[in-house]
Amino acid sequence: MTTKIEHSRVLVVWHDAHAINEGAWCDESDIDADPCVVETVGWLLADRKVGHVVLAQSVTHDGGLDAVLAIPVGMVQKIVVLGF
């Protein structure tokens, strides 16, 4: 079966919002200044949600989507289009 891919495969590097202390008490000095950097690879679903970069982990030949992630554009550091 031949599948037509209509979406670009991309790597998105972004800063995630994250818990500092995982529910335990902490001191201010325990707060790390470094961002939580995440690298996500997926199929770019362009223009799907205003103010977000939207990716799907998997896309079926008939347009089904799995594991869709919407990343706010303010958190995105870099987008790289990947080849096949």
N, C-alpha and C. Protein backbone atom coordinates (compact mmCIF):
# COMPACT_ATOMS: atom_id res chain seq x y z
N MET A 1 0.84 -1.17 0.00
CA MET A 1 0.00 0.00 0.00
C MET A 1 0.89 1.24 0.00
N THR A 2 0.56 2.21 -0.82
CA THR A 2 1.27 3.47 -0.86
C THR A 2 0.51 4.49 -0.04
N THR A 3 1.22 5.18 0.84
CA THR A 3 0.59 6.18 1.69
C THR A 3 1.09 7.56 1.29
N LYS A 4 0.19 8.47 1.07
CA LYS A 4 0.55 9.83 0.74
C LYS A 4 0.70 10.62 2.05
N ILE A 5 1.87 11.15 2.30
CA ILE A 5 2.13 11.95 3.49
C ILE A 5 1.90 13.42 3.12
N GLU A 6 0.97 14.06 3.81
CA GLU A 6 0.66 15.45 3.52
C GLU A 6 1.19 16.40 4.59
N HIS A 7 1.87 15.86 5.58
CA HIS A 7 2.38 16.67 6.67
C HIS A 7 3.91 16.57 6.70
N SER A 8 4.55 17.64 7.13
CA SER A 8 6.01 17.63 7.28
C SER A 8 6.39 16.94 8.58
N ARG A 9 7.46 16.19 8.55
CA ARG A 9 8.00 15.58 9.76
C ARG A 9 8.98 16.59 10.34
N VAL A 10 8.81 16.95 11.61
CA VAL A 10 9.61 18.00 12.21
C VAL A 10 10.15 17.60 13.58
N LEU A 11 11.22 18.28 13.96
CA LEU A 11 11.75 18.25 15.32
C LEU A 11 11.43 19.60 15.93
N VAL A 12 10.76 19.60 17.07
CA VAL A 12 10.46 20.84 17.78
C VAL A 12 11.23 20.82 19.10
N VAL A 13 12.04 21.85 19.32
CA VAL A 13 12.74 22.02 20.59
C VAL A 13 11.99 23.10 21.35
N TRP A 14 11.56 22.77 22.58
CA TRP A 14 10.73 23.70 23.32
C TRP A 14 10.99 23.61 24.82
N HIS A 15 10.59 24.67 25.52
CA HIS A 15 10.74 24.73 26.97
C HIS A 15 9.40 24.37 27.59
N ASP A 16 9.39 23.32 28.39
CA ASP A 16 8.17 22.83 29.01
C ASP A 16 7.94 23.49 30.36
N ALA A 17 6.68 23.68 30.70
CA ALA A 17 6.33 24.06 32.07
C ALA A 17 6.48 22.80 32.91
N HIS A 18 7.04 22.91 34.09
CA HIS A 18 7.29 21.71 34.88
C HIS A 18 7.27 22.02 36.37
N ALA A 19 7.01 21.00 37.15
CA ALA A 19 7.02 21.13 38.60
C ALA A 19 8.46 21.19 39.09
N ILE A 20 8.70 22.02 40.06
CA ILE A 20 10.03 22.18 40.62
C ILE A 20 10.30 21.16 41.72
N ASN A 21 9.30 20.92 42.55
CA ASN A 21 9.55 20.13 43.75
C ASN A 21 8.73 18.84 43.83
N GLU A 22 8.00 18.51 42.82
CA GLU A 22 7.22 17.28 42.75
C GLU A 22 6.34 17.07 43.98
N GLY A 23 5.77 18.14 44.51
CA GLY A 23 4.81 18.05 45.60
C GLY A 23 5.40 18.07 47.00
N ALA A 24 6.71 18.14 47.12
CA ALA A 24 7.35 18.17 48.43
C ALA A 24 7.73 19.61 48.78
N TRP A 25 7.93 19.87 50.05
CA TRP A 25 8.39 21.18 50.49
C TRP A 25 9.81 21.39 49.99
N CYS A 26 10.14 22.66 49.67
CA CYS A 26 11.50 22.96 49.23
C CYS A 26 11.87 24.37 49.63
N ASP A 27 13.15 24.69 49.53
CA ASP A 27 13.64 26.04 49.77
C ASP A 27 13.79 26.75 48.43
N GLU A 28 13.78 28.07 48.47
CA GLU A 28 13.98 28.83 47.21
C GLU A 28 15.29 28.45 46.54
N SER A 29 16.31 28.12 47.32
CA SER A 29 17.62 27.78 46.76
C SER A 29 17.59 26.46 45.97
N ASP A 30 16.53 25.66 46.16
CA ASP A 30 16.38 24.40 45.42
C ASP A 30 15.87 24.61 43.99
N ILE A 31 15.41 25.82 43.67
CA ILE A 31 14.83 26.09 42.36
C ILE A 31 15.93 26.27 41.33
N ASP A 32 15.95 25.39 40.34
CA ASP A 32 16.94 25.41 39.28
C ASP A 32 16.57 26.49 38.26
N ALA A 33 17.53 27.27 37.84
CA ALA A 33 17.27 28.35 36.88
C ALA A 33 17.16 27.86 35.44
N ASP A 34 17.61 26.63 35.18
CA ASP A 34 17.61 26.11 33.82
C ASP A 34 16.21 25.69 33.38
N PRO A 35 15.89 25.89 32.10
CA PRO A 35 14.58 25.46 31.60
C PRO A 35 14.53 23.94 31.43
N CYS A 36 13.34 23.41 31.35
CA CYS A 36 13.13 22.00 31.04
C CYS A 36 13.03 21.92 29.52
N VAL A 37 14.13 21.55 28.85
CA VAL A 37 14.19 21.52 27.39
C VAL A 37 13.69 20.17 26.90
N VAL A 38 12.73 20.20 25.97
CA VAL A 38 12.14 18.99 25.41
C VAL A 38 12.36 18.99 23.90
N GLU A 39 12.67 17.82 23.35
CA GLU A 39 12.77 17.64 21.90
C GLU A 39 11.68 16.67 21.49
N THR A 40 10.78 17.10 20.61
CA THR A 40 9.66 16.29 20.16
C THR A 40 9.72 16.15 18.64
N VAL A 41 9.55 14.93 18.15
CA VAL A 41 9.49 14.67 16.71
C VAL A 41 8.08 14.21 16.37
N GLY A 42 7.51 14.77 15.31
CA GLY A 42 6.17 14.37 14.90
C GLY A 42 5.80 14.97 13.57
N TRP A 43 4.55 14.72 13.18
CA TRP A 43 4.00 15.24 11.93
C TRP A 43 3.35 16.59 12.24
N LEU A 44 3.80 17.64 11.58
CA LEU A 44 3.30 18.99 11.81
C LEU A 44 1.90 19.15 11.22
N LEU A 45 0.97 19.55 12.06
CA LEU A 45 -0.40 19.84 11.62
C LEU A 45 -0.54 21.35 11.58
N ALA A 46 -0.14 21.93 10.46
CA ALA A 46 -0.07 23.38 10.33
C ALA A 46 -1.44 24.04 10.45
N ASP A 47 -1.45 25.20 11.09
CA ASP A 47 -2.64 26.05 11.18
C ASP A 47 -3.84 25.34 11.81
N ARG A 48 -3.62 24.50 12.80
CA ARG A 48 -4.72 23.78 13.45
C ARG A 48 -5.22 24.45 14.71
N LYS A 49 -4.35 25.18 15.42
CA LYS A 49 -4.74 25.82 16.68
C LYS A 49 -3.97 27.12 16.81
N VAL A 50 -4.68 28.22 16.91
CA VAL A 50 -4.05 29.54 16.98
C VAL A 50 -3.11 29.61 18.18
N GLY A 51 -1.89 30.12 17.93
CA GLY A 51 -0.92 30.31 19.00
C GLY A 51 -0.20 29.06 19.44
N HIS A 52 -0.33 27.97 18.67
CA HIS A 52 0.29 26.70 19.04
C HIS A 52 0.95 26.04 17.83
N VAL A 53 1.97 25.24 18.11
CA VAL A 53 2.53 24.32 17.13
C VAL A 53 1.92 22.97 17.46
N VAL A 54 1.21 22.37 16.50
CA VAL A 54 0.49 21.12 16.75
C VAL A 54 1.17 19.98 15.98
N LEU A 55 1.46 18.90 16.71
CA LEU A 55 2.12 17.72 16.14
C LEU A 55 1.31 16.47 16.44
N ALA A 56 1.39 15.51 15.53
CA ALA A 56 0.82 14.19 15.78
C ALA A 56 1.96 13.18 15.78
N GLN A 57 1.90 12.23 16.69
CA GLN A 57 2.91 11.17 16.74
C GLN A 57 2.79 10.25 15.54
N SER A 58 1.54 9.95 15.16
CA SER A 58 1.28 9.03 14.05
C SER A 58 0.13 9.56 13.22
N VAL A 59 0.18 9.29 11.90
CA VAL A 59 -0.88 9.67 10.97
C VAL A 59 -1.17 8.46 10.09
N THR A 60 -2.45 8.08 9.99
CA THR A 60 -2.81 6.94 9.14
C THR A 60 -3.05 7.40 7.71
N HIS A 61 -3.10 6.44 6.77
CA HIS A 61 -3.30 6.77 5.36
C HIS A 61 -4.64 7.44 5.09
N ASP A 62 -5.63 7.24 6.00
CA ASP A 62 -6.93 7.87 5.80
C ASP A 62 -7.15 9.10 6.71
N GLY A 63 -6.04 9.62 7.27
CA GLY A 63 -6.11 10.87 8.02
C GLY A 63 -6.30 10.73 9.52
N GLY A 64 -6.28 9.52 10.05
CA GLY A 64 -6.39 9.35 11.50
C GLY A 64 -5.14 9.87 12.20
N LEU A 65 -5.32 10.44 13.37
CA LEU A 65 -4.21 11.03 14.13
C LEU A 65 -4.09 10.37 15.49
N ASP A 66 -2.85 10.21 15.97
CA ASP A 66 -2.61 9.64 17.29
C ASP A 66 -1.66 10.53 18.05
N ALA A 67 -1.87 10.63 19.36
CA ALA A 67 -0.98 11.36 20.28
C ALA A 67 -0.71 12.78 19.77
N VAL A 68 -1.77 13.58 19.67
CA VAL A 68 -1.65 14.96 19.20
C VAL A 68 -1.22 15.86 20.36
N LEU A 69 -0.20 16.68 20.11
CA LEU A 69 0.36 17.57 21.12
C LEU A 69 0.31 19.00 20.60
N ALA A 70 -0.20 19.94 21.42
CA ALA A 70 -0.25 21.36 21.07
C ALA A 70 0.72 22.11 21.99
N ILE A 71 1.75 22.69 21.41
CA ILE A 71 2.78 23.40 22.17
C ILE A 71 2.59 24.90 21.95
N PRO A 72 2.41 25.68 23.02
CA PRO A 72 2.27 27.13 22.84
C PRO A 72 3.50 27.71 22.13
N VAL A 73 3.28 28.59 21.15
CA VAL A 73 4.40 29.13 20.36
C VAL A 73 5.43 29.85 21.22
N GLY A 74 5.03 30.43 22.33
CA GLY A 74 5.97 31.12 23.21
C GLY A 74 6.98 30.19 23.85
N MET A 75 6.68 28.89 23.88
CA MET A 75 7.60 27.91 24.46
C MET A 75 8.54 27.31 23.42
N VAL A 76 8.23 27.49 22.14
CA VAL A 76 9.01 26.88 21.06
C VAL A 76 10.30 27.66 20.85
N GLN A 77 11.41 26.93 20.86
CA GLN A 77 12.72 27.53 20.64
C GLN A 77 13.21 27.34 19.21
N LYS A 78 12.85 26.18 18.61
CA LYS A 78 13.34 25.88 17.26
C LYS A 78 12.48 24.82 16.63
N ILE A 79 12.26 24.92 15.31
CA ILE A 79 11.59 23.88 14.53
C ILE A 79 12.50 23.53 13.36
N VAL A 80 12.78 22.24 13.21
CA VAL A 80 13.62 21.75 12.13
C VAL A 80 12.81 20.76 11.29
N VAL A 81 12.69 21.02 9.98
CA VAL A 81 12.02 20.09 9.09
C VAL A 81 12.97 18.94 8.81
N LEU A 82 12.49 17.71 9.02
CA LEU A 82 13.31 16.51 8.85
C LEU A 82 13.03 15.85 7.51
N GLY A 83 14.05 15.29 6.90
CA GLY A 83 13.89 14.57 5.65
C GLY A 83 13.48 13.12 5.92
N PHE A 84 13.35 12.36 4.87
CA PHE A 84 12.99 10.94 4.99
C PHE A 84 14.19 10.08 4.80
